[in-house]
Amino acid sequence: MVSFFKILRLYVLYDWFSSISSTGEGVWIGANTVILPGVTIGSNVAIGANSVVTKDIPSNTVYGGVPAKFIKNK
């Protein structure tokens, strides 16, 4: 039997991850990267491992760090 709290937890996780929108193709996200809700990631973007993405990322760029900062254009 599934408890109410498990259903609530799944709903909260779905709501959390459904607010992330990755527009376009060719997005690379490194291991252990945290992307906060409401952040939009452009096309052809690379995000380094262990980064924390707090703001929108434009297309054709490389970001990394805590918080994720611009590194270079592709």
PDB file of N, CA and C in Angstrom:
ATOM      1  N   MET A   1       0.844  -1.187   0.000  1.00  0.00           N
ATOM      2  CA  MET A   1       0.000   0.000   0.000  1.00  0.00           C
ATOM      3  C   MET A   1       0.887   1.247   0.000  1.00  0.00           C
ATOM      4  N   VAL A   2       0.535   2.193  -0.809  1.00  0.00           N
ATOM      5  CA  VAL A   2       1.300   3.437  -0.911  1.00  0.00           C
ATOM      6  C   VAL A   2       0.729   4.443   0.072  1.00  0.00           C
ATOM      7  N   SER A   3       1.613   5.013   0.877  1.00  0.00           N
ATOM      8  CA  SER A   3       1.141   5.969   1.876  1.00  0.00           C
ATOM      9  C   SER A   3       0.912   7.345   1.261  1.00  0.00           C
ATOM     10  N   PHE A   4       0.167   8.135   1.977  1.00  0.00           N
ATOM     11  CA  PHE A   4      -0.117   9.504   1.547  1.00  0.00           C
ATOM     12  C   PHE A   4       1.173  10.311   1.411  1.00  0.00           C
ATOM     13  N   PHE A   5       2.120  10.100   2.323  1.00  0.00           N
ATOM     14  CA  PHE A   5       3.358  10.884   2.305  1.00  0.00           C
ATOM     15  C   PHE A   5       4.239  10.533   1.117  1.00  0.00           C
ATOM     16  N   LYS A   6       4.226   9.267   0.693  1.00  0.00           N
ATOM     17  CA  LYS A   6       4.981   8.900  -0.501  1.00  0.00           C
ATOM     18  C   LYS A   6       4.391   9.565  -1.738  1.00  0.00           C
ATOM     19  N   ILE A   7       3.077   9.584  -1.832  1.00  0.00           N
ATOM     20  CA  ILE A   7       2.421  10.242  -2.968  1.00  0.00           C
ATOM     21  C   ILE A   7       2.715  11.734  -2.945  1.00  0.00           C
ATOM     22  N   LEU A   8       2.645  12.353  -1.775  1.00  0.00           N
ATOM     23  CA  LEU A   8       2.932  13.780  -1.655  1.00  0.00           C
ATOM     24  C   LEU A   8       4.375  14.065  -2.042  1.00  0.00           C
ATOM     25  N   ARG A   9       5.301  13.223  -1.592  1.00  0.00           N
ATOM     26  CA  ARG A   9       6.712  13.415  -1.920  1.00  0.00           C
ATOM     27  C   ARG A   9       6.942  13.307  -3.419  1.00  0.00           C
ATOM     28  N   LEU A  10       6.328  12.320  -4.074  1.00  0.00           N
ATOM     29  CA  LEU A  10       6.468  12.178  -5.519  1.00  0.00           C
ATOM     30  C   LEU A  10       5.893  13.381  -6.242  1.00  0.00           C
ATOM     31  N   TYR A  11       4.768  13.897  -5.770  1.00  0.00           N
ATOM     32  CA  TYR A  11       4.171  15.073  -6.389  1.00  0.00           C
ATOM     33  C   TYR A  11       5.080  16.285  -6.257  1.00  0.00           C
ATOM     34  N   VAL A  12       5.667  16.475  -5.077  1.00  0.00           N
ATOM     35  CA  VAL A  12       6.567  17.610  -4.855  1.00  0.00           C
ATOM     36  C   VAL A  12       7.790  17.485  -5.741  1.00  0.00           C
ATOM     37  N   LEU A  13       8.370  16.293  -5.854  1.00  0.00           N
ATOM     38  CA  LEU A  13       9.524  16.099  -6.725  1.00  0.00           C
ATOM     39  C   LEU A  13       9.162  16.354  -8.179  1.00  0.00           C
ATOM     40  N   TYR A  14       7.980  15.881  -8.618  1.00  0.00           N
ATOM     41  CA  TYR A  14       7.557  16.133  -9.990  1.00  0.00           C
ATOM     42  C   TYR A  14       7.391  17.624 -10.233  1.00  0.00           C
ATOM     43  N   ASP A  15       6.778  18.315  -9.299  1.00  0.00           N
ATOM     44  CA  ASP A  15       6.582  19.747  -9.432  1.00  0.00           C
ATOM     45  C   ASP A  15       7.917  20.470  -9.471  1.00  0.00           C
ATOM     46  N   TRP A  16       8.865  20.023  -8.663  1.00  0.00           N
ATOM     47  CA  TRP A  16      10.205  20.628  -8.608  1.00  0.00           C
ATOM     48  C   TRP A  16      10.911  20.481  -9.949  1.00  0.00           C
ATOM     49  N   PHE A  17      10.910  19.257 -10.517  1.00  0.00           N
ATOM     50  CA  PHE A  17      11.643  19.015 -11.742  1.00  0.00           C
ATOM     51  C   PHE A  17      10.894  19.450 -12.984  1.00  0.00           C
ATOM     52  N   SER A  18       9.588  19.576 -12.913  1.00  0.00           N
ATOM     53  CA  SER A  18       8.848  19.991 -14.097  1.00  0.00           C
ATOM     54  C   SER A  18       9.015  21.476 -14.379  1.00  0.00           C
ATOM     55  N   SER A  19       9.503  22.245 -13.400  1.00  0.00           N
ATOM     56  CA  SER A  19       9.702  23.676 -13.619  1.00  0.00           C
ATOM     57  C   SER A  19      11.008  23.968 -14.347  1.00  0.00           C
ATOM     58  N   ILE A  20      11.871  22.966 -14.512  1.00  0.00           N
ATOM     59  CA  ILE A  20      13.117  23.144 -15.255  1.00  0.00           C
ATOM     60  C   ILE A  20      12.797  22.935 -16.719  1.00  0.00           C
ATOM     61  N   SER A  21      13.140  23.922 -17.539  1.00  0.00           N
ATOM     62  CA  SER A  21      12.861  23.758 -18.960  1.00  0.00           C
ATOM     63  C   SER A  21      14.166  23.858 -19.740  1.00  0.00           C
ATOM     64  N   SER A  22      14.499  22.814 -20.445  1.00  0.00           N
ATOM     65  CA  SER A  22      15.687  22.799 -21.275  1.00  0.00           C
ATOM     66  C   SER A  22      15.239  22.984 -22.714  1.00  0.00           C
ATOM     67  N   THR A  23      15.487  24.157 -23.269  1.00  0.00           N
ATOM     68  CA  THR A  23      15.039  24.440 -24.628  1.00  0.00           C
ATOM     69  C   THR A  23      16.152  24.118 -25.601  1.00  0.00           C
ATOM     70  N   GLY A  24      15.834  23.351 -26.601  1.00  0.00           N
ATOM     71  CA  GLY A  24      16.808  23.046 -27.628  1.00  0.00           C
ATOM     72  C   GLY A  24      17.517  21.728 -27.389  1.00  0.00           C
ATOM     73  N   GLU A  25      18.523  21.498 -28.216  1.00  0.00           N
ATOM     74  CA  GLU A  25      19.248  20.240 -28.197  1.00  0.00           C
ATOM     75  C   GLU A  25      20.703  20.460 -27.831  1.00  0.00           C
ATOM     76  N   GLY A  26      21.390  19.386 -27.550  1.00  0.00           N
ATOM     77  CA  GLY A  26      22.824  19.453 -27.303  1.00  0.00           C
ATOM     78  C   GLY A  26      23.188  20.005 -25.944  1.00  0.00           C
ATOM     79  N   VAL A  27      22.367  19.758 -24.926  1.00  0.00           N
ATOM     80  CA  VAL A  27      22.653  20.242 -23.572  1.00  0.00           C
ATOM     81  C   VAL A  27      23.394  19.148 -22.819  1.00  0.00           C
ATOM     82  N   TRP A  28      24.562  19.495 -22.275  1.00  0.00           N
ATOM     83  CA  TRP A  28      25.366  18.570 -21.482  1.00  0.00           C
ATOM     84  C   TRP A  28      25.363  19.059 -20.047  1.00  0.00           C
ATOM     85  N   ILE A  29      24.951  18.196 -19.117  1.00  0.00           N
ATOM     86  CA  ILE A  29      24.905  18.554 -17.701  1.00  0.00           C
ATOM     87  C   ILE A  29      25.808  17.591 -16.949  1.00  0.00           C
ATOM     88  N   GLY A  30      26.814  18.136 -16.243  1.00  0.00           N
ATOM     89  CA  GLY A  30      27.772  17.318 -15.516  1.00  0.00           C
ATOM     90  C   GLY A  30      27.153  16.639 -14.308  1.00  0.00           C
ATOM     91  N   ALA A  31      27.882  15.658 -13.774  1.00  0.00           N
ATOM     92  CA  ALA A  31      27.415  14.881 -12.626  1.00  0.00           C
ATOM     93  C   ALA A  31      27.260  15.772 -11.393  1.00  0.00           C
ATOM     94  N   ASN A  32      26.281  15.447 -10.568  1.00  0.00           N
ATOM     95  CA  ASN A  32      26.006  16.141  -9.300  1.00  0.00           C
ATOM     96  C   ASN A  32      25.684  17.617  -9.468  1.00  0.00           C
ATOM     97  N   THR A  33      25.167  18.002 -10.625  1.00  0.00           N
ATOM     98  CA  THR A  33      24.780  19.390 -10.867  1.00  0.00           C
ATOM     99  C   THR A  33      23.382  19.629 -10.306  1.00  0.00           C
ATOM    100  N   VAL A  34      23.193  20.766  -9.649  1.00  0.00           N
ATOM    101  CA  VAL A  34      21.897  21.149  -9.103  1.00  0.00           C
ATOM    102  C   VAL A  34      21.356  22.290  -9.954  1.00  0.00           C
ATOM    103  N   ILE A  35      20.137  22.113 -10.480  1.00  0.00           N
ATOM    104  CA  ILE A  35      19.486  23.153 -11.280  1.00  0.00           C
ATOM    105  C   ILE A  35      18.244  23.579 -10.514  1.00  0.00           C
ATOM    106  N   LEU A  36      18.199  24.841 -10.105  1.00  0.00           N
ATOM    107  CA  LEU A  36      17.082  25.336  -9.315  1.00  0.00           C
ATOM    108  C   LEU A  36      15.834  25.496 -10.175  1.00  0.00           C
ATOM    109  N   PRO A  37      14.658  25.444  -9.561  1.00  0.00           N
ATOM    110  CA  PRO A  37      13.405  25.555 -10.319  1.00  0.00           C
ATOM    111  C   PRO A  37      13.284  26.896 -11.037  1.00  0.00           C
ATOM    112  N   GLY A  38      12.679  26.865 -12.204  1.00  0.00           N
ATOM    113  CA  GLY A  38      12.429  28.074 -12.963  1.00  0.00           C
ATOM    114  C   GLY A  38      13.570  28.496 -13.857  1.00  0.00           C
ATOM    115  N   VAL A  39      14.665  27.754 -13.867  1.00  0.00           N
ATOM    116  CA  VAL A  39      15.829  28.098 -14.683  1.00  0.00           C
ATOM    117  C   VAL A  39      15.627  27.553 -16.091  1.00  0.00           C
ATOM    118  N   THR A  40      15.918  28.381 -17.098  1.00  0.00           N
ATOM    119  CA  THR A  40      15.832  27.971 -18.492  1.00  0.00           C
ATOM    120  C   THR A  40      17.238  27.792 -19.035  1.00  0.00           C
ATOM    121  N   ILE A  41      17.468  26.671 -19.699  1.00  0.00           N
ATOM    122  CA  ILE A  41      18.772  26.366 -20.261  1.00  0.00           C
ATOM    123  C   ILE A  41      18.647  26.386 -21.772  1.00  0.00           C
ATOM    124  N   GLY A  42      19.496  27.160 -22.435  1.00  0.00           N
ATOM    125  CA  GLY A  42      19.451  27.299 -23.885  1.00  0.00           C
ATOM    126  C   GLY A  42      20.000  26.084 -24.606  1.00  0.00           C
ATOM    127  N   SER A  43      20.060  26.166 -25.935  1.00  0.00           N
ATOM    128  CA  SER A  43      20.577  25.085 -26.769  1.00  0.00           C
ATOM    129  C   SER A  43      22.096  25.076 -26.762  1.00  0.00           C
ATOM    130  N   ASN A  44      22.664  23.877 -26.962  1.00  0.00           N
ATOM    131  CA  ASN A  44      24.111  23.716 -27.103  1.00  0.00           C
ATOM    132  C   ASN A  44      24.871  24.297 -25.917  1.00  0.00           C
ATOM    133  N   VAL A  45      24.455  23.903 -24.716  1.00  0.00           N
ATOM    134  CA  VAL A  45      25.047  24.402 -23.473  1.00  0.00           C
ATOM    135  C   VAL A  45      25.772  23.265 -22.766  1.00  0.00           C
ATOM    136  N   ALA A  46      26.915  23.571 -22.150  1.00  0.00           N
ATOM    137  CA  ALA A  46      27.624  22.610 -21.307  1.00  0.00           C
ATOM    138  C   ALA A  46      27.702  23.186 -19.897  1.00  0.00           C
ATOM    139  N   ILE A  47      27.331  22.371 -18.907  1.00  0.00           N
ATOM    140  CA  ILE A  47      27.387  22.788 -17.505  1.00  0.00           C
ATOM    141  C   ILE A  47      28.330  21.831 -16.794  1.00  0.00           C
ATOM    142  N   GLY A  48      29.337  22.372 -16.118  1.00  0.00           N
ATOM    143  CA  GLY A  48      30.341  21.565 -15.447  1.00  0.00           C
ATOM    144  C   GLY A  48      29.794  20.779 -14.278  1.00  0.00           C
ATOM    145  N   ALA A  49      30.516  19.727 -13.904  1.00  0.00           N
ATOM    146  CA  ALA A  49      30.110  18.875 -12.791  1.00  0.00           C
ATOM    147  C   ALA A  49      30.117  19.644 -11.477  1.00  0.00           C
ATOM    148  N   ASN A  50      29.244  19.260 -10.558  1.00  0.00           N
ATOM    149  CA  ASN A  50      29.122  19.850  -9.222  1.00  0.00           C
ATOM    150  C   ASN A  50      28.757  21.328  -9.238  1.00  0.00           C
ATOM    151  N   SER A  51      28.118  21.789 -10.298  1.00  0.00           N
ATOM    152  CA  SER A  51      27.697  23.189 -10.396  1.00  0.00           C
ATOM    153  C   SER A  51      26.320  23.380  -9.784  1.00  0.00           C
ATOM    154  N   VAL A  52      26.023  24.626  -9.424  1.00  0.00           N
ATOM    155  CA  VAL A  52      24.692  24.990  -8.941  1.00  0.00           C
ATOM    156  C   VAL A  52      24.185  26.096  -9.851  1.00  0.00           C
ATOM    157  N   VAL A  53      23.180  25.774 -10.668  1.00  0.00           N
ATOM    158  CA  VAL A  53      22.643  26.728 -11.646  1.00  0.00           C
ATOM    159  C   VAL A  53      21.503  27.490 -10.993  1.00  0.00           C
ATOM    160  N   THR A  54      21.683  28.813 -10.847  1.00  0.00           N
ATOM    161  CA  THR A  54      20.690  29.648 -10.183  1.00  0.00           C
ATOM    162  C   THR A  54      19.990  30.613 -11.128  1.00  0.00           C
ATOM    163  N   LYS A  55      20.562  30.826 -12.317  1.00  0.00           N
ATOM    164  CA  LYS A  55      19.998  31.781 -13.279  1.00  0.00           C
ATOM    165  C   LYS A  55      19.906  31.137 -14.648  1.00  0.00           C
ATOM    166  N   ASP A  56      19.160  31.777 -15.550  1.00  0.00           N
ATOM    167  CA  ASP A  56      19.020  31.281 -16.912  1.00  0.00           C
ATOM    168  C   ASP A  56      20.370  31.259 -17.616  1.00  0.00           C
ATOM    169  N   ILE A  57      20.543  30.259 -18.494  1.00  0.00           N
ATOM    170  CA  ILE A  57      21.789  30.110 -19.241  1.00  0.00           C
ATOM    171  C   ILE A  57      21.477  30.273 -20.719  1.00  0.00           C
ATOM    172  N   PRO A  58      22.139  31.223 -21.408  1.00  0.00           N
ATOM    173  CA  PRO A  58      21.880  31.424 -22.832  1.00  0.00           C
ATOM    174  C   PRO A  58      22.480  30.308 -23.688  1.00  0.00           C
ATOM    175  N   SER A  59      22.085  30.240 -24.938  1.00  0.00           N
ATOM    176  CA  SER A  59      22.557  29.221 -25.862  1.00  0.00           C
ATOM    177  C   SER A  59      24.043  29.389 -26.185  1.00  0.00           C
ATOM    178  N   ASN A  60      24.667  28.276 -26.574  1.00  0.00           N
ATOM    179  CA  ASN A  60      26.052  28.237 -27.053  1.00  0.00           C
ATOM    180  C   ASN A  60      27.059  28.745 -26.036  1.00  0.00           C
ATOM    181  N   THR A  61      26.914  28.328 -24.782  1.00  0.00           N
ATOM    182  CA  THR A  61      27.830  28.759 -23.738  1.00  0.00           C
ATOM    183  C   THR A  61      28.258  27.584 -22.861  1.00  0.00           C
ATOM    184  N   VAL A  62      29.304  27.826 -22.069  1.00  0.00           N
ATOM    185  CA  VAL A  62      29.782  26.858 -21.085  1.00  0.00           C
ATOM    186  C   VAL A  62      29.725  27.539 -19.724  1.00  0.00           C
ATOM    187  N   TYR A  63      29.104  26.887 -18.749  1.00  0.00           N
ATOM    188  CA  TYR A  63      28.976  27.413 -17.395  1.00  0.00           C
ATOM    189  C   TYR A  63      29.494  26.381 -16.407  1.00  0.00           C
ATOM    190  N   GLY A  64      29.944  26.847 -15.248  1.00  0.00           N
ATOM    191  CA  GLY A  64      30.381  25.936 -14.205  1.00  0.00           C
ATOM    192  C   GLY A  64      30.644  26.678 -12.908  1.00  0.00           C
ATOM    193  N   GLY A  65      30.662  25.961 -11.804  1.00  0.00           N
ATOM    194  CA  GLY A  65      30.976  26.539 -10.509  1.00  0.00           C
ATOM    195  C   GLY A  65      29.773  26.625  -9.597  1.00  0.00           C
ATOM    196  N   VAL A  66      30.042  27.165  -8.382  1.00  0.00           N
ATOM    197  CA  VAL A  66      28.996  27.344  -7.371  1.00  0.00           C
ATOM    198  C   VAL A  66      29.001  28.794  -6.950  1.00  0.00           C
ATOM    199  N   PRO A  67      28.047  29.604  -7.321  1.00  0.00           N
ATOM    200  CA  PRO A  67      27.000  29.338  -8.322  1.00  0.00           C
ATOM    201  C   PRO A  67      27.603  29.293  -9.733  1.00  0.00           C
ATOM    202  N   ALA A  68      26.885  28.710 -10.661  1.00  0.00           N
ATOM    203  CA  ALA A  68      27.399  28.552 -12.038  1.00  0.00           C
ATOM    204  C   ALA A  68      27.648  29.918 -12.663  1.00  0.00           C
ATOM    205  N   LYS A  69      28.852  30.075 -13.204  1.00  0.00           N
ATOM    206  CA  LYS A  69      29.268  31.320 -13.841  1.00  0.00           C
ATOM    207  C   LYS A  69      29.677  31.036 -15.279  1.00  0.00           C
ATOM    208  N   PHE A  70      29.624  32.080 -16.091  1.00  0.00           N
ATOM    209  CA  PHE A  70      30.007  31.983 -17.496  1.00  0.00           C
ATOM    210  C   PHE A  70      31.490  31.656 -17.585  1.00  0.00           C
ATOM    211  N   ILE A  71      31.839  30.653 -18.418  1.00  0.00           N
ATOM    212  CA  ILE A  71      33.240  30.308 -18.634  1.00  0.00           C
ATOM    213  C   ILE A  71      33.674  30.732 -20.034  1.00  0.00           C
ATOM    214  N   LYS A  72      32.920  30.308 -21.065  1.00  0.00           N
ATOM    215  CA  LYS A  72      33.264  30.717 -22.427  1.00  0.00           C
ATOM    216  C   LYS A  72      32.105  30.461 -23.365  1.00  0.00           C
ATOM    217  N   ASN A  73      32.192  31.052 -24.565  1.00  0.00           N
ATOM    218  CA  ASN A  73      31.251  30.769 -25.638  1.00  0.00           C
ATOM    219  C   ASN A  73      31.731  29.558 -26.401  1.00  0.00           C
ATOM    220  N   LYS A  74      30.802  28.817 -26.963  1.00  0.00           N
ATOM    221  CA  LYS A  74      31.175  27.649 -27.772  1.00  0.00           C
ATOM    222  C   LYS A  74      31.428  28.060 -29.197  1.00  0.00           C
TER     223      LYS A  74
END
